[in-house]
PDB file of N, CA and C in Angstrom:
ATOM      1  N   UNK A   1     148.090  34.282 223.450  1.00  0.00           N
ATOM      2  CA  UNK A   1     147.693  35.593 222.994  1.00  0.00           C
ATOM      3  C   UNK A   1     147.892  35.732 221.485  1.00  0.00           C
ATOM      4  N   UNK A   2     149.038  35.294 220.994  1.00  0.00           N
ATOM      5  CA  UNK A   2     149.309  35.356 219.567  1.00  0.00           C
ATOM      6  C   UNK A   2     149.097  33.988 218.943  1.00  0.00           C
ATOM      7  N   UNK A   3     148.754  33.995 217.665  1.00  0.00           N
ATOM      8  CA  UNK A   3     148.653  32.738 216.944  1.00  0.00           C
ATOM      9  C   UNK A   3     150.069  32.233 216.651  1.00  0.00           C
ATOM     10  N   UNK A   4     150.204  30.954 216.271  1.00  0.00           N
ATOM     11  CA  UNK A   4     151.551  30.426 215.989  1.00  0.00           C
ATOM     12  C   UNK A   4     152.279  31.183 214.881  1.00  0.00           C
ATOM     13  N   UNK A   5     151.541  31.656 213.879  1.00  0.00           N
ATOM     14  CA  UNK A   5     152.197  32.382 212.781  1.00  0.00           C
ATOM     15  C   UNK A   5     152.773  33.703 213.264  1.00  0.00           C
ATOM     16  N   UNK A   6     152.026  34.428 214.087  1.00  0.00           N
ATOM     17  CA  UNK A   6     152.535  35.717 214.560  1.00  0.00           C
ATOM     18  C   UNK A   6     153.660  35.536 215.563  1.00  0.00           C
ATOM     19  N   UNK A   7     153.641  34.442 216.316  1.00  0.00           N
ATOM     20  CA  UNK A   7     154.749  34.225 217.248  1.00  0.00           C
ATOM     21  C   UNK A   7     156.036  33.882 216.502  1.00  0.00           C
ATOM     22  N   UNK A   8     155.929  33.220 215.358  1.00  0.00           N
ATOM     23  CA  UNK A   8     157.108  32.942 214.530  1.00  0.00           C
ATOM     24  C   UNK A   8     157.657  34.248 213.959  1.00  0.00           C
ATOM     25  N   UNK A   9     156.763  35.123 213.510  1.00  0.00           N
ATOM     26  CA  UNK A   9     157.203  36.411 212.974  1.00  0.00           C
ATOM     27  C   UNK A   9     157.866  37.245 214.060  1.00  0.00           C
ATOM     28  N   UNK A  10     157.289  37.246 215.252  1.00  0.00           N
ATOM     29  CA  UNK A  10     157.848  38.035 216.346  1.00  0.00           C
ATOM     30  C   UNK A  10     159.178  37.458 216.832  1.00  0.00           C
ATOM     31  N   UNK A  11     159.338  36.144 216.757  1.00  0.00           N
ATOM     32  CA  UNK A  11     160.567  35.512 217.248  1.00  0.00           C
ATOM     33  C   UNK A  11     161.742  35.726 216.294  1.00  0.00           C
ATOM     34  N   UNK A  12     161.500  35.638 214.997  1.00  0.00           N
ATOM     35  CA  UNK A  12     162.584  35.776 214.019  1.00  0.00           C
ATOM     36  C   UNK A  12     162.090  36.538 212.793  1.00  0.00           C
ATOM     37  N   UNK A  13     161.911  37.858 212.911  1.00  0.00           N
ATOM     38  CA  UNK A  13     161.385  38.615 211.771  1.00  0.00           C
ATOM     39  C   UNK A  13     162.335  38.676 210.585  1.00  0.00           C
ATOM     40  N   UNK A  14     163.619  38.519 210.844  1.00  0.00           N
ATOM     41  CA  UNK A  14     164.582  38.590 209.741  1.00  0.00           C
ATOM     42  C   UNK A  14     164.419  37.438 208.770  1.00  0.00           C
ATOM     43  N   UNK A  15     163.927  36.285 209.189  1.00  0.00           N
ATOM     44  CA  UNK A  15     163.698  35.172 208.264  1.00  0.00           C
ATOM     45  C   UNK A  15     162.546  35.480 207.311  1.00  0.00           C
ATOM     46  N   UNK A  16     161.496  36.103 207.820  1.00  0.00           N
ATOM     47  CA  UNK A  16     160.353  36.451 206.973  1.00  0.00           C
ATOM     48  C   UNK A  16     160.771  37.505 205.947  1.00  0.00           C
ATOM     49  N   UNK A  17     161.510  38.511 206.395  1.00  0.00           N
ATOM     50  CA  UNK A  17     161.966  39.542 205.459  1.00  0.00           C
ATOM     51  C   UNK A  17     162.949  38.970 204.443  1.00  0.00           C
ATOM     52  N   UNK A  18     163.798  38.074 204.877  1.00  0.00           N
ATOM     53  CA  UNK A  18     164.757  37.425 203.966  1.00  0.00           C
ATOM     54  C   UNK A  18     164.009  36.606 202.912  1.00  0.00           C
ATOM     55  N   UNK A  19     162.961  35.886 203.331  1.00  0.00           N
ATOM     56  CA  UNK A  19     162.190  35.080 202.383  1.00  0.00           C
ATOM     57  C   UNK A  19     161.411  35.957 201.405  1.00  0.00           C
ATOM     58  N   UNK A  20     161.019  37.148 201.817  1.00  0.00           N
ATOM     59  CA  UNK A  20     160.273  38.017 200.913  1.00  0.00           C
ATOM     60  C   UNK A  20     161.162  38.633 199.830  1.00  0.00           C
ATOM     61  N   UNK A  21     162.463  38.515 199.970  1.00  0.00           N
ATOM     62  CA  UNK A  21     163.364  38.999 198.926  1.00  0.00           C
ATOM     63  C   UNK A  21     163.306  38.136 197.663  1.00  0.00           C
ATOM     64  N   UNK A  22     162.979  36.859 197.816  1.00  0.00           N
ATOM     65  CA  UNK A  22     162.957  35.952 196.660  1.00  0.00           C
ATOM     66  C   UNK A  22     161.981  36.399 195.573  1.00  0.00           C
ATOM     67  N   UNK A  23     160.705  36.683 195.896  1.00  0.00           N
ATOM     68  CA  UNK A  23     159.811  37.139 194.824  1.00  0.00           C
ATOM     69  C   UNK A  23     160.207  38.492 194.235  1.00  0.00           C
ATOM     70  N   UNK A  24     160.769  39.362 195.053  1.00  0.00           N
ATOM     71  CA  UNK A  24     161.190  40.675 194.545  1.00  0.00           C
ATOM     72  C   UNK A  24     162.314  40.501 193.530  1.00  0.00           C
ATOM     73  N   UNK A  25     163.293  39.690 193.856  1.00  0.00           N
ATOM     74  CA  UNK A  25     164.403  39.462 192.927  1.00  0.00           C
ATOM     75  C   UNK A  25     163.951  38.681 191.700  1.00  0.00           C
ATOM     76  N   UNK A  26     162.999  37.785 191.869  1.00  0.00           N
ATOM     77  CA  UNK A  26     162.463  37.039 190.728  1.00  0.00           C
ATOM     78  C   UNK A  26     161.744  37.985 189.770  1.00  0.00           C
ATOM     79  N   UNK A  27     161.000  38.937 190.305  1.00  0.00           N
ATOM     80  CA  UNK A  27     160.350  39.936 189.451  1.00  0.00           C
ATOM     81  C   UNK A  27     161.375  40.737 188.664  1.00  0.00           C
ATOM     82  N   UNK A  28     162.469  41.056 189.303  1.00  0.00           N
ATOM     83  CA  UNK A  28     163.509  41.833 188.624  1.00  0.00           C
ATOM     84  C   UNK A  28     164.136  41.032 187.498  1.00  0.00           C
ATOM     85  N   UNK A  29     164.321  39.736 187.702  1.00  0.00           N
ATOM     86  CA  UNK A  29     164.931  38.904 186.664  1.00  0.00           C
ATOM     87  C   UNK A  29     163.984  38.639 185.501  1.00  0.00           C
ATOM     88  N   UNK A  30     162.689  38.484 185.790  1.00  0.00           N
ATOM     89  CA  UNK A  30     161.741  38.127 184.744  1.00  0.00           C
ATOM     90  C   UNK A  30     161.414  39.290 183.810  1.00  0.00           C
ATOM     91  N   UNK A  31     161.198  40.481 184.365  1.00  0.00           N
ATOM     92  CA  UNK A  31     160.815  41.620 183.537  1.00  0.00           C
ATOM     93  C   UNK A  31     161.550  42.879 183.992  1.00  0.00           C
ATOM     94  N   UNK A  32     162.833  42.985 183.701  1.00  0.00           N
ATOM     95  CA  UNK A  32     163.596  44.120 184.217  1.00  0.00           C
ATOM     96  C   UNK A  32     163.314  45.448 183.517  1.00  0.00           C
ATOM     97  N   UNK A  33     162.780  45.411 182.293  1.00  0.00           N
ATOM     98  CA  UNK A  33     162.613  46.653 181.549  1.00  0.00           C
ATOM     99  C   UNK A  33     161.189  47.196 181.575  1.00  0.00           C
ATOM    100  N   UNK A  34     160.284  46.562 182.285  1.00  0.00           N
ATOM    101  CA  UNK A  34     158.923  47.069 182.397  1.00  0.00           C
ATOM    102  C   UNK A  34     158.952  48.394 183.147  1.00  0.00           C
ATOM    103  N   UNK A  35     158.133  49.325 182.716  1.00  0.00           N
ATOM    104  CA  UNK A  35     158.158  50.650 183.330  1.00  0.00           C
ATOM    105  C   UNK A  35     156.868  50.945 184.078  1.00  0.00           C
ATOM    106  N   UNK A  36     156.984  51.867 185.016  1.00  0.00           N
ATOM    107  CA  UNK A  36     155.846  52.388 185.754  1.00  0.00           C
ATOM    108  C   UNK A  36     155.750  53.867 185.425  1.00  0.00           C
ATOM    109  N   UNK A  37     154.593  54.299 184.957  1.00  0.00           N
ATOM    110  CA  UNK A  37     154.399  55.692 184.581  1.00  0.00           C
ATOM    111  C   UNK A  37     153.613  56.407 185.675  1.00  0.00           C
ATOM    112  N   UNK A  38     154.166  57.512 186.167  1.00  0.00           N
ATOM    113  CA  UNK A  38     153.535  58.291 187.229  1.00  0.00           C
ATOM    114  C   UNK A  38     153.292  59.695 186.695  1.00  0.00           C
ATOM    115  N   UNK A  39     152.049  60.144 186.805  1.00  0.00           N
ATOM    116  CA  UNK A  39     151.700  61.477 186.335  1.00  0.00           C
ATOM    117  C   UNK A  39     151.248  62.322 187.519  1.00  0.00           C
ATOM    118  N   UNK A  40     152.032  63.346 187.849  1.00  0.00           N
ATOM    119  CA  UNK A  40     151.703  64.268 188.938  1.00  0.00           C
ATOM    120  C   UNK A  40     151.566  65.672 188.365  1.00  0.00           C
ATOM    121  N   UNK A  41     150.341  66.161 188.359  1.00  0.00           N
ATOM    122  CA  UNK A  41     150.008  67.485 187.797  1.00  0.00           C
ATOM    123  C   UNK A  41     150.539  67.607 186.377  1.00  0.00           C
ATOM    124  N   UNK A  42     151.551  68.424 186.140  1.00  0.00           N
ATOM    125  CA  UNK A  42     152.057  68.586 184.777  1.00  0.00           C
ATOM    126  C   UNK A  42     153.400  67.886 184.565  1.00  0.00           C
ATOM    127  N   UNK A  43     153.784  67.024 185.505  1.00  0.00           N
ATOM    128  CA  UNK A  43     155.062  66.309 185.408  1.00  0.00           C
ATOM    129  C   UNK A  43     154.791  64.822 185.189  1.00  0.00           C
ATOM    130  N   UNK A  44     155.557  64.212 184.312  1.00  0.00           N
ATOM    131  CA  UNK A  44     155.382  62.811 183.965  1.00  0.00           C
ATOM    132  C   UNK A  44     156.676  62.066 184.282  1.00  0.00           C
ATOM    133  N   UNK A  45     156.595  61.073 185.167  1.00  0.00           N
ATOM    134  CA  UNK A  45     157.766  60.298 185.571  1.00  0.00           C
ATOM    135  C   UNK A  45     157.671  58.895 184.994  1.00  0.00           C
ATOM    136  N   UNK A  46     158.757  58.399 184.477  1.00  0.00           N
ATOM    137  CA  UNK A  46     158.840  57.023 183.999  1.00  0.00           C
ATOM    138  C   UNK A  46     159.944  56.339 184.796  1.00  0.00           C
ATOM    139  N   UNK A  47     159.557  55.288 185.538  1.00  0.00           N
ATOM    140  CA  UNK A  47     160.489  54.578 186.409  1.00  0.00           C
ATOM    141  C   UNK A  47     160.513  53.117 185.979  1.00  0.00           C
ATOM    142  N   UNK A  48     161.702  52.554 185.811  1.00  0.00           N
ATOM    143  CA  UNK A  48     161.792  51.145 185.424  1.00  0.00           C
ATOM    144  C   UNK A  48     161.581  50.242 186.639  1.00  0.00           C
ATOM    145  N   UNK A  49     161.111  49.050 186.370  1.00  0.00           N
ATOM    146  CA  UNK A  49     160.883  48.093 187.446  1.00  0.00           C
ATOM    147  C   UNK A  49     162.194  47.682 188.097  1.00  0.00           C
ATOM    148  N   UNK A  50     163.270  47.690 187.348  1.00  0.00           N
ATOM    149  CA  UNK A  50     164.573  47.358 187.911  1.00  0.00           C
ATOM    150  C   UNK A  50     164.967  48.312 189.020  1.00  0.00           C
ATOM    151  N   UNK A  51     164.685  49.600 188.833  1.00  0.00           N
ATOM    152  CA  UNK A  51     164.992  50.585 189.867  1.00  0.00           C
ATOM    153  C   UNK A  51     164.114  50.358 191.102  1.00  0.00           C
ATOM    154  N   UNK A  52     162.829  50.125 190.890  1.00  0.00           N
ATOM    155  CA  UNK A  52     161.916  49.915 192.022  1.00  0.00           C
ATOM    156  C   UNK A  52     162.275  48.662 192.815  1.00  0.00           C
ATOM    157  N   UNK A  53     162.612  47.582 192.123  1.00  0.00           N
ATOM    158  CA  UNK A  53     162.987  46.364 192.847  1.00  0.00           C
ATOM    159  C   UNK A  53     164.341  46.525 193.525  1.00  0.00           C
ATOM    160  N   UNK A  54     165.221  47.335 192.942  1.00  0.00           N
ATOM    161  CA  UNK A  54     166.498  47.605 193.605  1.00  0.00           C
ATOM    162  C   UNK A  54     166.309  48.344 194.916  1.00  0.00           C
ATOM    163  N   UNK A  55     165.444  49.349 194.916  1.00  0.00           N
ATOM    164  CA  UNK A  55     165.148  50.090 196.138  1.00  0.00           C
ATOM    165  C   UNK A  55     164.476  49.174 197.165  1.00  0.00           C
ATOM    166  N   UNK A  56     163.543  48.352 196.712  1.00  0.00           N
ATOM    167  CA  UNK A  56     162.874  47.407 197.612  1.00  0.00           C
ATOM    168  C   UNK A  56     163.857  46.401 198.202  1.00  0.00           C
ATOM    169  N   UNK A  57     164.758  45.914 197.378  1.00  0.00           N
ATOM    170  CA  UNK A  57     165.746  44.944 197.847  1.00  0.00           C
ATOM    171  C   UNK A  57     166.652  45.541 198.908  1.00  0.00           C
ATOM    172  N   UNK A  58     167.167  46.751 198.667  1.00  0.00           N
ATOM    173  CA  UNK A  58     168.053  47.377 199.653  1.00  0.00           C
ATOM    174  C   UNK A  58     167.307  47.731 200.939  1.00  0.00           C
ATOM    175  N   UNK A  59     166.042  48.110 200.824  1.00  0.00           N
ATOM    176  CA  UNK A  59     165.243  48.393 202.020  1.00  0.00           C
ATOM    177  C   UNK A  59     165.053  47.131 202.848  1.00  0.00           C
ATOM    178  N   UNK A  60     164.686  46.037 202.189  1.00  0.00           N
ATOM    179  CA  UNK A  60     164.500  44.774 202.912  1.00  0.00           C
ATOM    180  C   UNK A  60     165.802  44.268 203.510  1.00  0.00           C
ATOM    181  N   UNK A  61     166.901  44.381 202.766  1.00  0.00           N
ATOM    182  CA  UNK A  61     168.184  43.937 203.307  1.00  0.00           C
ATOM    183  C   UNK A  61     168.602  44.767 204.521  1.00  0.00           C
ATOM    184  N   UNK A  62     168.336  46.057 204.485  1.00  0.00           N
ATOM    185  CA  UNK A  62     168.627  46.900 205.642  1.00  0.00           C
ATOM    186  C   UNK A  62     167.814  46.500 206.861  1.00  0.00           C
ATOM    187  N   UNK A  63     166.547  46.176 206.652  1.00  0.00           N
ATOM    188  CA  UNK A  63     165.707  45.753 207.766  1.00  0.00           C
ATOM    189  C   UNK A  63     166.108  44.378 208.285  1.00  0.00           C
ATOM    190  N   UNK A  64     166.493  43.485 207.387  1.00  0.00           N
ATOM    191  CA  UNK A  64     166.990  42.171 207.825  1.00  0.00           C
ATOM    192  C   UNK A  64     168.213  42.362 208.710  1.00  0.00           C
ATOM    193  N   UNK A  65     169.130  43.208 208.281  1.00  0.00           N
ATOM    194  CA  UNK A  65     170.347  43.463 209.038  1.00  0.00           C
ATOM    195  C   UNK A  65     170.029  44.057 210.410  1.00  0.00           C
ATOM    196  N   UNK A  66     169.129  45.034 210.464  1.00  0.00           N
ATOM    197  CA  UNK A  66     168.778  45.650 211.748  1.00  0.00           C
ATOM    198  C   UNK A  66     168.072  44.675 212.693  1.00  0.00           C
ATOM    199  N   UNK A  67     167.120  43.917 212.166  1.00  0.00           N
ATOM    200  CA  UNK A  67     166.436  42.940 213.014  1.00  0.00           C
ATOM    201  C   UNK A  67     167.399  41.864 213.507  1.00  0.00           C
ATOM    202  N   UNK A  68     168.359  41.489 212.658  1.00  0.00           N
ATOM    203  CA  UNK A  68     169.335  40.487 213.073  1.00  0.00           C
ATOM    204  C   UNK A  68     170.238  41.027 214.183  1.00  0.00           C
ATOM    205  N   UNK A  69     170.635  42.296 214.067  1.00  0.00           N
ATOM    206  CA  UNK A  69     171.456  42.901 215.113  1.00  0.00           C
ATOM    207  C   UNK A  69     170.687  43.068 216.428  1.00  0.00           C
ATOM    208  N   UNK A  70     169.397  43.318 216.337  1.00  0.00           N
ATOM    209  CA  UNK A  70     168.577  43.571 217.521  1.00  0.00           C
ATOM    210  C   UNK A  70     167.872  42.322 218.041  1.00  0.00           C
ATOM    211  N   UNK A  71     168.277  41.150 217.576  1.00  0.00           N
ATOM    212  CA  UNK A  71     167.560  39.924 217.944  1.00  0.00           C
ATOM    213  C   UNK A  71     167.642  39.594 219.431  1.00  0.00           C
ATOM    214  N   UNK A  72     168.639  40.099 220.142  1.00  0.00           N
ATOM    215  CA  UNK A  72     168.781  39.829 221.572  1.00  0.00           C
ATOM    216  C   UNK A  72     167.977  40.807 222.437  1.00  0.00           C
ATOM    217  N   UNK A  73     167.569  41.931 221.862  1.00  0.00           N
ATOM    218  CA  UNK A  73     166.804  42.917 222.621  1.00  0.00           C
ATOM    219  C   UNK A  73     165.330  42.522 222.675  1.00  0.00           C
ATOM    220  N   UNK A  74     164.663  42.786 223.781  1.00  0.00           N
ATOM    221  CA  UNK A  74     163.235  42.487 223.860  1.00  0.00           C
ATOM    222  C   UNK A  74     162.424  43.543 223.093  1.00  0.00           C
ATOM    223  N   UNK A  75     161.919  43.176 221.930  1.00  0.00           N
ATOM    224  CA  UNK A  75     161.105  44.075 221.131  1.00  0.00           C
ATOM    225  C   UNK A  75     159.632  43.802 221.398  1.00  0.00           C
ATOM    226  N   UNK A  76     158.791  44.784 221.194  1.00  0.00           N
ATOM    227  CA  UNK A  76     157.353  44.603 221.361  1.00  0.00           C
ATOM    228  C   UNK A  76     156.841  43.721 220.233  1.00  0.00           C
ATOM    229  N   UNK A  77     156.215  42.604 220.594  1.00  0.00           N
ATOM    230  CA  UNK A  77     155.805  41.615 219.592  1.00  0.00           C
ATOM    231  C   UNK A  77     154.807  42.165 218.585  1.00  0.00           C
ATOM    232  N   UNK A  78     153.786  42.867 219.058  1.00  0.00           N
ATOM    233  CA  UNK A  78     152.764  43.324 218.120  1.00  0.00           C
ATOM    234  C   UNK A  78     153.325  44.368 217.156  1.00  0.00           C
ATOM    235  N   UNK A  79     154.266  45.174 217.607  1.00  0.00           N
ATOM    236  CA  UNK A  79     154.887  46.149 216.715  1.00  0.00           C
ATOM    237  C   UNK A  79     155.750  45.462 215.658  1.00  0.00           C
ATOM    238  N   UNK A  80     156.468  44.445 216.084  1.00  0.00           N
ATOM    239  CA  UNK A  80     157.313  43.704 215.152  1.00  0.00           C
ATOM    240  C   UNK A  80     156.463  43.022 214.089  1.00  0.00           C
ATOM    241  N   UNK A  81     155.380  42.371 214.510  1.00  0.00           N
ATOM    242  CA  UNK A  81     154.493  41.682 213.564  1.00  0.00           C
ATOM    243  C   UNK A  81     153.862  42.684 212.603  1.00  0.00           C
ATOM    244  N   UNK A  82     153.378  43.790 213.122  1.00  0.00           N
ATOM    245  CA  UNK A  82     152.765  44.810 212.279  1.00  0.00           C
ATOM    246  C   UNK A  82     153.770  45.382 211.286  1.00  0.00           C
ATOM    247  N   UNK A  83     154.978  45.653 211.728  1.00  0.00           N
ATOM    248  CA  UNK A  83     155.999  46.218 210.850  1.00  0.00           C
ATOM    249  C   UNK A  83     156.412  45.236 209.758  1.00  0.00           C
ATOM    250  N   UNK A  84     156.646  43.993 210.134  1.00  0.00           N
ATOM    251  CA  UNK A  84     157.085  42.999 209.140  1.00  0.00           C
ATOM    252  C   UNK A  84     155.987  42.733 208.124  1.00  0.00           C
ATOM    253  N   UNK A  85     154.749  42.560 208.568  1.00  0.00           N
ATOM    254  CA  UNK A  85     153.652  42.278 207.642  1.00  0.00           C
ATOM    255  C   UNK A  85     153.384  43.459 206.710  1.00  0.00           C
ATOM    256  N   UNK A  86     153.416  44.668 207.232  1.00  0.00           N
ATOM    257  CA  UNK A  86     153.184  45.826 206.365  1.00  0.00           C
ATOM    258  C   UNK A  86     154.341  46.035 205.387  1.00  0.00           C
ATOM    259  N   UNK A  87     155.556  45.774 205.811  1.00  0.00           N
ATOM    260  CA  UNK A  87     156.708  45.913 204.905  1.00  0.00           C
ATOM    261  C   UNK A  87     156.634  44.909 203.775  1.00  0.00           C
ATOM    262  N   UNK A  88     156.316  43.676 204.090  1.00  0.00           N
ATOM    263  CA  UNK A  88     156.215  42.644 203.049  1.00  0.00           C
ATOM    264  C   UNK A  88     155.065  42.954 202.102  1.00  0.00           C
ATOM    265  N   UNK A  89     153.929  43.394 202.643  1.00  0.00           N
ATOM    266  CA  UNK A  89     152.781  43.701 201.785  1.00  0.00           C
ATOM    267  C   UNK A  89     153.071  44.880 200.864  1.00  0.00           C
ATOM    268  N   UNK A  90     153.733  45.904 201.361  1.00  0.00           N
ATOM    269  CA  UNK A  90     154.043  47.052 200.513  1.00  0.00           C
ATOM    270  C   UNK A  90     155.123  46.745 199.486  1.00  0.00           C
ATOM    271  N   UNK A  91     156.043  45.869 199.844  1.00  0.00           N
ATOM    272  CA  UNK A  91     157.130  45.533 198.927  1.00  0.00           C
ATOM    273  C   UNK A  91     156.639  44.673 197.768  1.00  0.00           C
ATOM    274  N   UNK A  92     155.772  43.733 198.059  1.00  0.00           N
ATOM    275  CA  UNK A  92     155.292  42.839 197.013  1.00  0.00           C
ATOM    276  C   UNK A  92     154.127  43.472 196.289  1.00  0.00           C
TER     277      UNK A  92
END
């Protein structure tokens, strides 16, 4: 039913999330002072890349921890694959 790649993701999602931390941390090391400018109506926000990668890192680490704790429970495979793939795509 699932391809080999999706069965690997469903079997051990914490490894995929753990591996996706490497590019996020590399981005933080290479250009920590780059900023992202957000303009909403009459308010202007300036956010550094270091802050964004920090939030992404803690989010991924939290999900790695939860998936690792829940590894013995039977999770729905398609939900796990969808969640892991969307999290990695949004983070990177």
